């Protein structure tokens, strides 16, 4: 500091203090976002009501495009179908999805 600094006391500029910055608040822990409800699982079977003139191979041809797939329908309906050559009109058959 020099001599002139003492003589110029009236001309001193006030020292500006730095303005305190607001303290950042810590981020709140993320709330778990509820997942949208899962779609109900699709059944592994379609159903078909037997009509007059139907056979397992005819139904298989209709659903799978291949009459040789009648075994799938028979296996899925062993509780009803004892003889695959004899199915009755009105039966509700489970048709496995391909």
PDB file of N, CA and C in Angstrom:
ATOM      1  N   UNK A   1       0.827  -1.149   0.000  1.00  0.00           N
ATOM      2  CA  UNK A   1       0.000   0.000   0.000  1.00  0.00           C
ATOM      3  C   UNK A   1       0.894   1.243   0.000  1.00  0.00           C
ATOM      4  N   UNK A   2       0.507   2.177  -0.823  1.00  0.00           N
ATOM      5  CA  UNK A   2       1.333   3.381  -0.916  1.00  0.00           C
ATOM      6  C   UNK A   2       0.740   4.535  -0.131  1.00  0.00           C
ATOM      7  N   UNK A   3       1.489   5.690  -0.121  1.00  0.00           N
ATOM      8  CA  UNK A   3       1.091   6.890   0.612  1.00  0.00           C
ATOM      9  C   UNK A   3      -0.213   7.450   0.085  1.00  0.00           C
ATOM     10  N   UNK A   4      -0.399   7.434  -1.195  1.00  0.00           N
ATOM     11  CA  UNK A   4      -1.609   7.993  -1.789  1.00  0.00           C
ATOM     12  C   UNK A   4      -2.843   7.171  -1.441  1.00  0.00           C
ATOM     13  N   UNK A   5      -2.638   5.936  -1.149  1.00  0.00           N
ATOM     14  CA  UNK A   5      -3.775   5.112  -0.765  1.00  0.00           C
ATOM     15  C   UNK A   5      -4.374   5.607   0.542  1.00  0.00           C
ATOM     16  N   UNK A   6      -3.568   6.100   1.445  1.00  0.00           N
ATOM     17  CA  UNK A   6      -4.082   6.619   2.713  1.00  0.00           C
ATOM     18  C   UNK A   6      -4.802   7.940   2.515  1.00  0.00           C
ATOM     19  N   UNK A   7      -4.370   8.738   1.539  1.00  0.00           N
ATOM     20  CA  UNK A   7      -4.957  10.057   1.329  1.00  0.00           C
ATOM     21  C   UNK A   7      -6.321   9.952   0.633  1.00  0.00           C
ATOM     22  N   UNK A   8      -6.540   8.895  -0.055  1.00  0.00           N
ATOM     23  CA  UNK A   8      -7.773   8.760  -0.823  1.00  0.00           C
ATOM     24  C   UNK A   8      -8.811   7.923  -0.069  1.00  0.00           C
ATOM     25  N   UNK A   9      -8.827   7.972   1.237  1.00  0.00           N
ATOM     26  CA  UNK A   9      -9.747   7.145   2.001  1.00  0.00           C
ATOM     27  C   UNK A   9     -11.206   7.443   1.672  1.00  0.00           C
ATOM     28  N   UNK A  10     -11.546   8.679   1.427  1.00  0.00           N
ATOM     29  CA  UNK A  10     -12.934   9.036   1.131  1.00  0.00           C
ATOM     30  C   UNK A  10     -13.402   8.451  -0.193  1.00  0.00           C
ATOM     31  N   UNK A  11     -12.489   8.084  -1.059  1.00  0.00           N
ATOM     32  CA  UNK A  11     -12.864   7.593  -2.378  1.00  0.00           C
ATOM     33  C   UNK A  11     -12.898   6.064  -2.447  1.00  0.00           C
ATOM     34  N   UNK A  12     -12.773   5.450  -1.321  1.00  0.00           N
ATOM     35  CA  UNK A  12     -12.767   3.981  -1.347  1.00  0.00           C
ATOM     36  C   UNK A  12     -14.117   3.449  -1.809  1.00  0.00           C
ATOM     37  N   UNK A  13     -14.052   2.486  -2.620  1.00  0.00           N
ATOM     38  CA  UNK A  13     -15.262   1.818  -3.077  1.00  0.00           C
ATOM     39  C   UNK A  13     -15.544   0.679  -2.117  1.00  0.00           C
ATOM     40  N   UNK A  14     -16.787   0.492  -1.787  1.00  0.00           N
ATOM     41  CA  UNK A  14     -17.105  -0.611  -0.872  1.00  0.00           C
ATOM     42  C   UNK A  14     -16.779  -1.952  -1.546  1.00  0.00           C
ATOM     43  N   UNK A  15     -16.277  -2.809  -0.728  1.00  0.00           N
ATOM     44  CA  UNK A  15     -15.950  -4.134  -1.221  1.00  0.00           C
ATOM     45  C   UNK A  15     -17.245  -4.929  -1.312  1.00  0.00           C
ATOM     46  N   UNK A  16     -17.454  -5.511  -2.464  1.00  0.00           N
ATOM     47  CA  UNK A  16     -18.669  -6.313  -2.625  1.00  0.00           C
ATOM     48  C   UNK A  16     -18.378  -7.743  -2.196  1.00  0.00           C
ATOM     49  N   UNK A  17     -19.227  -8.203  -1.331  1.00  0.00           N
ATOM     50  CA  UNK A  17     -19.089  -9.579  -0.892  1.00  0.00           C
ATOM     51  C   UNK A  17     -19.780 -10.468  -1.920  1.00  0.00           C
ATOM     52  N   UNK A  18     -19.217 -11.619  -2.121  1.00  0.00           N
ATOM     53  CA  UNK A  18     -19.891 -12.511  -3.077  1.00  0.00           C
ATOM     54  C   UNK A  18     -21.261 -12.910  -2.543  1.00  0.00           C
ATOM     55  N   UNK A  19     -22.202 -12.964  -3.451  1.00  0.00           N
ATOM     56  CA  UNK A  19     -23.564 -13.334  -3.081  1.00  0.00           C
ATOM     57  C   UNK A  19     -23.594 -14.850  -2.888  1.00  0.00           C
ATOM     58  N   UNK A  20     -24.147 -15.249  -1.758  1.00  0.00           N
ATOM     59  CA  UNK A  20     -24.221 -16.686  -1.469  1.00  0.00           C
ATOM     60  C   UNK A  20     -25.218 -17.334  -2.431  1.00  0.00           C
ATOM     61  N   UNK A  21     -24.790 -18.383  -3.065  1.00  0.00           N
ATOM     62  CA  UNK A  21     -25.661 -19.141  -3.963  1.00  0.00           C
ATOM     63  C   UNK A  21     -26.537 -20.075  -3.116  1.00  0.00           C
ATOM     64  N   UNK A  22     -27.781 -20.229  -3.504  1.00  0.00           N
ATOM     65  CA  UNK A  22     -28.627 -21.140  -2.735  1.00  0.00           C
ATOM     66  C   UNK A  22     -28.042 -22.555  -2.807  1.00  0.00           C
ATOM     67  N   UNK A  23     -28.097 -23.186  -1.673  1.00  0.00           N
ATOM     68  CA  UNK A  23     -27.565 -24.549  -1.602  1.00  0.00           C
ATOM     69  C   UNK A  23     -28.544 -25.489  -2.300  1.00  0.00           C
ATOM     70  N   UNK A  24     -28.012 -26.272  -3.207  1.00  0.00           N
ATOM     71  CA  UNK A  24     -28.859 -27.223  -3.924  1.00  0.00           C
ATOM     72  C   UNK A  24     -29.289 -28.330  -2.963  1.00  0.00           C
ATOM     73  N   UNK A  25     -30.562 -28.591  -2.966  1.00  0.00           N
ATOM     74  CA  UNK A  25     -31.071 -29.658  -2.110  1.00  0.00           C
ATOM     75  C   UNK A  25     -30.734 -30.995  -2.759  1.00  0.00           C
ATOM     76  N   UNK A  26     -30.368 -31.965  -1.948  1.00  0.00           N
ATOM     77  CA  UNK A  26     -30.099 -33.277  -2.553  1.00  0.00           C
ATOM     78  C   UNK A  26     -31.373 -33.816  -3.188  1.00  0.00           C
ATOM     79  N   UNK A  27     -31.205 -34.466  -4.292  1.00  0.00           N
ATOM     80  CA  UNK A  27     -32.354 -35.023  -5.007  1.00  0.00           C
ATOM     81  C   UNK A  27     -33.012 -36.094  -4.146  1.00  0.00           C
ATOM     82  N   UNK A  28     -34.321 -36.059  -4.144  1.00  0.00           N
ATOM     83  CA  UNK A  28     -35.067 -37.064  -3.391  1.00  0.00           C
ATOM     84  C   UNK A  28     -34.861 -38.415  -4.068  1.00  0.00           C
ATOM     85  N   UNK A  29     -34.804 -39.467  -3.285  1.00  0.00           N
ATOM     86  CA  UNK A  29     -34.649 -40.778  -3.922  1.00  0.00           C
ATOM     87  C   UNK A  29     -35.809 -41.025  -4.882  1.00  0.00           C
ATOM     88  N   UNK A  30     -35.489 -41.583  -5.999  1.00  0.00           N
ATOM     89  CA  UNK A  30     -36.506 -41.828  -7.021  1.00  0.00           C
ATOM     90  C   UNK A  30     -37.544 -42.807  -6.495  1.00  0.00           C
ATOM     91  N   UNK A  31     -38.783 -42.434  -6.677  1.00  0.00           N
ATOM     92  CA  UNK A  31     -39.866 -43.325  -6.278  1.00  0.00           C
ATOM     93  C   UNK A  31     -39.999 -44.392  -7.350  1.00  0.00           C
ATOM     94  N   UNK A  32     -40.148 -45.626  -6.944  1.00  0.00           N
ATOM     95  CA  UNK A  32     -40.311 -46.661  -7.967  1.00  0.00           C
ATOM     96  C   UNK A  32     -41.590 -46.400  -8.752  1.00  0.00           C
ATOM     97  N   UNK A  33     -41.477 -46.473 -10.046  1.00  0.00           N
ATOM     98  CA  UNK A  33     -42.624 -46.245 -10.899  1.00  0.00           C
ATOM     99  C   UNK A  33     -43.344 -47.573 -11.075  1.00  0.00           C
ATOM    100  N   UNK A  34     -44.604 -47.550 -10.786  1.00  0.00           N
ATOM    101  CA  UNK A  34     -45.378 -48.786 -10.911  1.00  0.00           C
ATOM    102  C   UNK A  34     -45.463 -49.168 -12.380  1.00  0.00           C
ATOM    103  N   UNK A  35     -45.142 -50.398 -12.661  1.00  0.00           N
ATOM    104  CA  UNK A  35     -45.221 -50.879 -14.041  1.00  0.00           C
ATOM    105  C   UNK A  35     -46.692 -50.970 -14.432  1.00  0.00           C
ATOM    106  N   UNK A  36     -46.980 -50.728 -15.701  1.00  0.00           N
ATOM    107  CA  UNK A  36     -48.380 -50.869 -16.110  1.00  0.00           C
ATOM    108  C   UNK A  36     -48.814 -52.321 -15.915  1.00  0.00           C
ATOM    109  N   UNK A  37     -50.059 -52.503 -15.604  1.00  0.00           N
ATOM    110  CA  UNK A  37     -50.497 -53.881 -15.354  1.00  0.00           C
ATOM    111  C   UNK A  37     -50.214 -54.749 -16.576  1.00  0.00           C
ATOM    112  N   UNK A  38     -49.673 -55.897 -16.296  1.00  0.00           N
ATOM    113  CA  UNK A  38     -49.351 -56.814 -17.387  1.00  0.00           C
ATOM    114  C   UNK A  38     -50.647 -57.320 -18.006  1.00  0.00           C
ATOM    115  N   UNK A  39     -50.600 -57.461 -19.299  1.00  0.00           N
ATOM    116  CA  UNK A  39     -51.777 -57.988 -19.982  1.00  0.00           C
ATOM    117  C   UNK A  39     -52.012 -59.421 -19.507  1.00  0.00           C
ATOM    118  N   UNK A  40     -53.250 -59.752 -19.414  1.00  0.00           N
ATOM    119  CA  UNK A  40     -53.581 -61.113 -18.986  1.00  0.00           C
ATOM    120  C   UNK A  40     -52.953 -62.097 -19.969  1.00  0.00           C
ATOM    121  N   UNK A  41     -52.342 -63.141 -19.454  1.00  0.00           N
ATOM    122  CA  UNK A  41     -51.724 -64.100 -20.372  1.00  0.00           C
ATOM    123  C   UNK A  41     -52.773 -64.710 -21.303  1.00  0.00           C
ATOM    124  N   UNK A  42     -52.387 -64.802 -22.548  1.00  0.00           N
ATOM    125  CA  UNK A  42     -53.293 -65.384 -23.537  1.00  0.00           C
ATOM    126  C   UNK A  42     -53.404 -66.886 -23.293  1.00  0.00           C
ATOM    127  N   UNK A  43     -54.614 -67.418 -23.362  1.00  0.00           N
ATOM    128  CA  UNK A  43     -54.741 -68.870 -23.177  1.00  0.00           C
ATOM    129  C   UNK A  43     -54.005 -69.595 -24.294  1.00  0.00           C
ATOM    130  N   UNK A  44     -53.497 -70.762 -23.964  1.00  0.00           N
ATOM    131  CA  UNK A  44     -52.745 -71.544 -24.941  1.00  0.00           C
ATOM    132  C   UNK A  44     -53.687 -72.312 -25.864  1.00  0.00           C
ATOM    133  N   UNK A  45     -54.992 -72.124 -25.671  1.00  0.00           N
ATOM    134  CA  UNK A  45     -55.960 -72.881 -26.448  1.00  0.00           C
ATOM    135  C   UNK A  45     -57.036 -71.957 -27.012  1.00  0.00           C
ATOM    136  N   UNK A  46     -57.518 -72.324 -28.195  1.00  0.00           N
ATOM    137  CA  UNK A  46     -58.772 -71.780 -28.712  1.00  0.00           C
ATOM    138  C   UNK A  46     -59.818 -72.843 -28.387  1.00  0.00           C
ATOM    139  N   UNK A  47     -61.075 -72.480 -28.506  1.00  0.00           N
ATOM    140  CA  UNK A  47     -62.119 -73.495 -28.316  1.00  0.00           C
ATOM    141  C   UNK A  47     -62.920 -73.614 -29.597  1.00  0.00           C
ATOM    142  N   UNK A  48     -63.463 -74.781 -29.796  1.00  0.00           N
ATOM    143  CA  UNK A  48     -64.255 -75.060 -30.992  1.00  0.00           C
ATOM    144  C   UNK A  48     -65.402 -75.979 -30.598  1.00  0.00           C
ATOM    145  N   UNK A  49     -66.589 -75.656 -31.080  1.00  0.00           N
ATOM    146  CA  UNK A  49     -67.756 -76.499 -30.840  1.00  0.00           C
ATOM    147  C   UNK A  49     -67.946 -77.407 -32.052  1.00  0.00           C
ATOM    148  N   UNK A  50     -67.973 -78.692 -31.797  1.00  0.00           N
ATOM    149  CA  UNK A  50     -68.096 -79.679 -32.869  1.00  0.00           C
ATOM    150  C   UNK A  50     -69.461 -79.552 -33.529  1.00  0.00           C
ATOM    151  N   UNK A  51     -69.447 -79.558 -34.876  1.00  0.00           N
ATOM    152  CA  UNK A  51     -70.678 -79.479 -35.671  1.00  0.00           C
ATOM    153  C   UNK A  51     -70.859 -80.806 -36.413  1.00  0.00           C
ATOM    154  N   UNK A  52     -72.036 -81.009 -36.948  1.00  0.00           N
ATOM    155  CA  UNK A  52     -72.306 -82.231 -37.713  1.00  0.00           C
ATOM    156  C   UNK A  52     -71.360 -82.335 -38.902  1.00  0.00           C
ATOM    157  N   UNK A  53     -70.799 -83.516 -39.122  1.00  0.00           N
ATOM    158  CA  UNK A  53     -69.892 -83.748 -40.243  1.00  0.00           C
ATOM    159  C   UNK A  53     -68.435 -83.452 -39.921  1.00  0.00           C
ATOM    160  N   UNK A  54     -68.155 -82.960 -38.730  1.00  0.00           N
ATOM    161  CA  UNK A  54     -66.765 -82.658 -38.338  1.00  0.00           C
ATOM    162  C   UNK A  54     -65.997 -83.926 -38.000  1.00  0.00           C
ATOM    163  N   UNK A  55     -64.709 -83.849 -38.202  1.00  0.00           N
ATOM    164  CA  UNK A  55     -63.774 -84.878 -37.744  1.00  0.00           C
ATOM    165  C   UNK A  55     -62.557 -84.139 -37.219  1.00  0.00           C
ATOM    166  N   UNK A  56     -61.724 -84.834 -36.468  1.00  0.00           N
ATOM    167  CA  UNK A  56     -60.527 -84.172 -35.939  1.00  0.00           C
ATOM    168  C   UNK A  56     -59.633 -83.678 -37.078  1.00  0.00           C
ATOM    169  N   UNK A  57     -59.533 -84.464 -38.153  1.00  0.00           N
ATOM    170  CA  UNK A  57     -58.679 -84.028 -39.259  1.00  0.00           C
ATOM    171  C   UNK A  57     -59.274 -82.817 -39.974  1.00  0.00           C
ATOM    172  N   UNK A  58     -60.587 -82.755 -40.070  1.00  0.00           N
ATOM    173  CA  UNK A  58     -61.234 -81.594 -40.699  1.00  0.00           C
ATOM    174  C   UNK A  58     -61.029 -80.339 -39.842  1.00  0.00           C
ATOM    175  N   UNK A  59     -61.146 -80.491 -38.546  1.00  0.00           N
ATOM    176  CA  UNK A  59     -60.931 -79.362 -37.629  1.00  0.00           C
ATOM    177  C   UNK A  59     -59.465 -78.921 -37.687  1.00  0.00           C
ATOM    178  N   UNK A  60     -58.547 -79.887 -37.720  1.00  0.00           N
ATOM    179  CA  UNK A  60     -57.121 -79.569 -37.807  1.00  0.00           C
ATOM    180  C   UNK A  60     -56.809 -78.828 -39.099  1.00  0.00           C
ATOM    181  N   UNK A  61     -57.419 -79.259 -40.200  1.00  0.00           N
ATOM    182  CA  UNK A  61     -57.217 -78.586 -41.486  1.00  0.00           C
ATOM    183  C   UNK A  61     -57.689 -77.141 -41.390  1.00  0.00           C
ATOM    184  N   UNK A  62     -58.810 -76.928 -40.706  1.00  0.00           N
ATOM    185  CA  UNK A  62     -59.372 -75.590 -40.550  1.00  0.00           C
ATOM    186  C   UNK A  62     -58.458 -74.691 -39.705  1.00  0.00           C
ATOM    187  N   UNK A  63     -57.922 -75.214 -38.603  1.00  0.00           N
ATOM    188  CA  UNK A  63     -57.118 -74.398 -37.691  1.00  0.00           C
ATOM    189  C   UNK A  63     -55.642 -74.314 -38.081  1.00  0.00           C
ATOM    190  N   UNK A  64     -55.089 -75.415 -38.532  1.00  0.00           N
ATOM    191  CA  UNK A  64     -53.641 -75.479 -38.785  1.00  0.00           C
ATOM    192  C   UNK A  64     -53.275 -75.495 -40.264  1.00  0.00           C
ATOM    193  N   UNK A  65     -54.266 -75.733 -41.124  1.00  0.00           N
ATOM    194  CA  UNK A  65     -53.970 -75.841 -42.545  1.00  0.00           C
ATOM    195  C   UNK A  65     -53.380 -77.190 -42.920  1.00  0.00           C
ATOM    196  N   UNK A  66     -53.387 -78.139 -41.974  1.00  0.00           N
ATOM    197  CA  UNK A  66     -52.815 -79.467 -42.205  1.00  0.00           C
ATOM    198  C   UNK A  66     -53.646 -80.489 -41.428  1.00  0.00           C
ATOM    199  N   UNK A  67     -54.326 -81.356 -42.161  1.00  0.00           N
ATOM    200  CA  UNK A  67     -55.196 -82.355 -41.527  1.00  0.00           C
ATOM    201  C   UNK A  67     -54.405 -83.340 -40.667  1.00  0.00           C
ATOM    202  N   UNK A  68     -53.116 -83.503 -40.963  1.00  0.00           N
ATOM    203  CA  UNK A  68     -52.291 -84.448 -40.206  1.00  0.00           C
ATOM    204  C   UNK A  68     -52.022 -83.980 -38.767  1.00  0.00           C
ATOM    205  N   UNK A  69     -52.382 -82.772 -38.450  1.00  0.00           N
ATOM    206  CA  UNK A  69     -52.166 -82.226 -37.104  1.00  0.00           C
ATOM    207  C   UNK A  69     -53.293 -82.580 -36.128  1.00  0.00           C
ATOM    208  N   UNK A  70     -54.196 -83.477 -36.535  1.00  0.00           N
ATOM    209  CA  UNK A  70     -55.318 -83.835 -35.680  1.00  0.00           C
ATOM    210  C   UNK A  70     -54.862 -84.404 -34.342  1.00  0.00           C
ATOM    211  N   UNK A  71     -53.656 -84.955 -34.271  1.00  0.00           N
ATOM    212  CA  UNK A  71     -53.131 -85.522 -33.023  1.00  0.00           C
ATOM    213  C   UNK A  71     -53.040 -84.467 -31.919  1.00  0.00           C
ATOM    214  N   UNK A  72     -52.701 -83.244 -32.291  1.00  0.00           N
ATOM    215  CA  UNK A  72     -52.610 -82.162 -31.293  1.00  0.00           C
ATOM    216  C   UNK A  72     -53.960 -81.958 -30.604  1.00  0.00           C
ATOM    217  N   UNK A  73     -55.015 -81.945 -31.407  1.00  0.00           N
ATOM    218  CA  UNK A  73     -56.353 -81.733 -30.854  1.00  0.00           C
ATOM    219  C   UNK A  73     -56.754 -82.923 -29.985  1.00  0.00           C
ATOM    220  N   UNK A  74     -56.445 -84.111 -30.444  1.00  0.00           N
ATOM    221  CA  UNK A  74     -56.777 -85.313 -29.679  1.00  0.00           C
ATOM    222  C   UNK A  74     -56.059 -85.306 -28.331  1.00  0.00           C
ATOM    223  N   UNK A  75     -54.771 -85.006 -28.316  1.00  0.00           N
ATOM    224  CA  UNK A  75     -53.992 -84.988 -27.072  1.00  0.00           C
ATOM    225  C   UNK A  75     -54.515 -83.945 -26.092  1.00  0.00           C
ATOM    226  N   UNK A  76     -54.950 -82.806 -26.601  1.00  0.00           N
ATOM    227  CA  UNK A  76     -55.449 -81.740 -25.730  1.00  0.00           C
ATOM    228  C   UNK A  76     -56.818 -82.068 -25.131  1.00  0.00           C
ATOM    229  N   UNK A  77     -57.504 -83.047 -25.720  1.00  0.00           N
ATOM    230  CA  UNK A  77     -58.870 -83.368 -25.283  1.00  0.00           C
ATOM    231  C   UNK A  77     -59.035 -84.825 -24.889  1.00  0.00           C
ATOM    232  N   UNK A  78     -57.997 -85.437 -24.350  1.00  0.00           N
ATOM    233  CA  UNK A  78     -58.075 -86.851 -23.966  1.00  0.00           C
ATOM    234  C   UNK A  78     -59.164 -87.112 -22.927  1.00  0.00           C
ATOM    235  N   UNK A  79     -59.507 -86.093 -22.148  1.00  0.00           N
ATOM    236  CA  UNK A  79     -60.563 -86.278 -21.154  1.00  0.00           C
ATOM    237  C   UNK A  79     -61.928 -86.505 -21.809  1.00  0.00           C
ATOM    238  N   UNK A  80     -62.141 -86.019 -23.032  1.00  0.00           N
ATOM    239  CA  UNK A  80     -63.414 -86.184 -23.736  1.00  0.00           C
ATOM    240  C   UNK A  80     -63.333 -87.242 -24.834  1.00  0.00           C
ATOM    241  N   UNK A  81     -62.232 -87.216 -25.564  1.00  0.00           N
ATOM    242  CA  UNK A  81     -62.135 -88.054 -26.763  1.00  0.00           C
ATOM    243  C   UNK A  81     -61.435 -89.359 -26.424  1.00  0.00           C
ATOM    244  N   UNK A  82     -62.216 -90.424 -26.293  1.00  0.00           N
ATOM    245  CA  UNK A  82     -61.642 -91.751 -26.040  1.00  0.00           C
ATOM    246  C   UNK A  82     -61.237 -92.401 -27.363  1.00  0.00           C
ATOM    247  N   UNK A  83     -62.091 -92.228 -28.376  1.00  0.00           N
ATOM    248  CA  UNK A  83     -61.828 -92.771 -29.708  1.00  0.00           C
ATOM    249  C   UNK A  83     -61.777 -91.580 -30.679  1.00  0.00           C
ATOM    250  N   UNK A  84     -60.615 -91.299 -31.294  1.00  0.00           N
ATOM    251  CA  UNK A  84     -60.509 -90.119 -32.163  1.00  0.00           C
ATOM    252  C   UNK A  84     -61.415 -90.185 -33.393  1.00  0.00           C
ATOM    253  N   UNK A  85     -61.940 -91.352 -33.705  1.00  0.00           N
ATOM    254  CA  UNK A  85     -62.858 -91.469 -34.848  1.00  0.00           C
ATOM    255  C   UNK A  85     -64.297 -91.122 -34.462  1.00  0.00           C
ATOM    256  N   UNK A  86     -64.563 -91.024 -33.168  1.00  0.00           N
ATOM    257  CA  UNK A  86     -65.919 -90.740 -32.702  1.00  0.00           C
ATOM    258  C   UNK A  86     -65.938 -89.482 -31.845  1.00  0.00           C
ATOM    259  N   UNK A  87     -66.323 -88.389 -32.466  1.00  0.00           N
ATOM    260  CA  UNK A  87     -66.523 -87.147 -31.703  1.00  0.00           C
ATOM    261  C   UNK A  87     -67.990 -86.775 -31.839  1.00  0.00           C
ATOM    262  N   UNK A  88     -68.524 -86.119 -30.831  1.00  0.00           N
ATOM    263  CA  UNK A  88     -69.951 -85.838 -30.804  1.00  0.00           C
ATOM    264  C   UNK A  88     -70.232 -84.365 -31.044  1.00  0.00           C
ATOM    265  N   UNK A  89     -71.341 -84.121 -31.735  1.00  0.00           N
ATOM    266  CA  UNK A  89     -71.797 -82.758 -32.011  1.00  0.00           C
ATOM    267  C   UNK A  89     -72.068 -82.055 -30.677  1.00  0.00           C
ATOM    268  N   UNK A  90     -71.587 -80.812 -30.566  1.00  0.00           N
ATOM    269  CA  UNK A  90     -71.811 -80.013 -29.358  1.00  0.00           C
ATOM    270  C   UNK A  90     -70.647 -80.018 -28.385  1.00  0.00           C
ATOM    271  N   UNK A  91     -69.707 -80.940 -28.545  1.00  0.00           N
ATOM    272  CA  UNK A  91     -68.538 -80.938 -27.657  1.00  0.00           C
ATOM    273  C   UNK A  91     -67.734 -79.656 -27.838  1.00  0.00           C
ATOM    274  N   UNK A  92     -67.269 -79.132 -26.732  1.00  0.00           N
ATOM    275  CA  UNK A  92     -66.352 -77.985 -26.759  1.00  0.00           C
ATOM    276  C   UNK A  92     -64.929 -78.548 -26.713  1.00  0.00           C
ATOM    277  N   UNK A  93     -64.212 -78.409 -27.806  1.00  0.00           N
ATOM    278  CA  UNK A  93     -62.838 -78.934 -27.854  1.00  0.00           C
ATOM    279  C   UNK A  93     -61.826 -77.816 -27.673  1.00  0.00           C
ATOM    280  N   UNK A  94     -60.766 -78.140 -26.970  1.00  0.00           N
ATOM    281  CA  UNK A  94     -59.640 -77.202 -26.851  1.00  0.00           C
ATOM    282  C   UNK A  94     -58.753 -77.411 -28.063  1.00  0.00           C
ATOM    283  N   UNK A  95     -58.426 -76.321 -28.730  1.00  0.00           N
ATOM    284  CA  UNK A  95     -57.568 -76.364 -29.909  1.00  0.00           C
ATOM    285  C   UNK A  95     -56.247 -75.694 -29.529  1.00  0.00           C
ATOM    286  N   UNK A  96     -55.169 -76.460 -29.363  1.00  0.00           N
ATOM    287  CA  UNK A  96     -53.877 -75.840 -28.998  1.00  0.00           C
ATOM    288  C   UNK A  96     -53.432 -74.854 -30.074  1.00  0.00           C
ATOM    289  N   UNK A  97     -52.898 -73.733 -29.622  1.00  0.00           N
ATOM    290  CA  UNK A  97     -52.378 -72.761 -30.587  1.00  0.00           C
ATOM    291  C   UNK A  97     -51.082 -73.308 -31.171  1.00  0.00           C
ATOM    292  N   UNK A  98     -50.940 -73.090 -32.466  1.00  0.00           N
ATOM    293  CA  UNK A  98     -49.766 -73.633 -33.172  1.00  0.00           C
ATOM    294  C   UNK A  98     -48.549 -73.038 -32.677  1.00  0.00           C
TER     295      UNK A  98
END
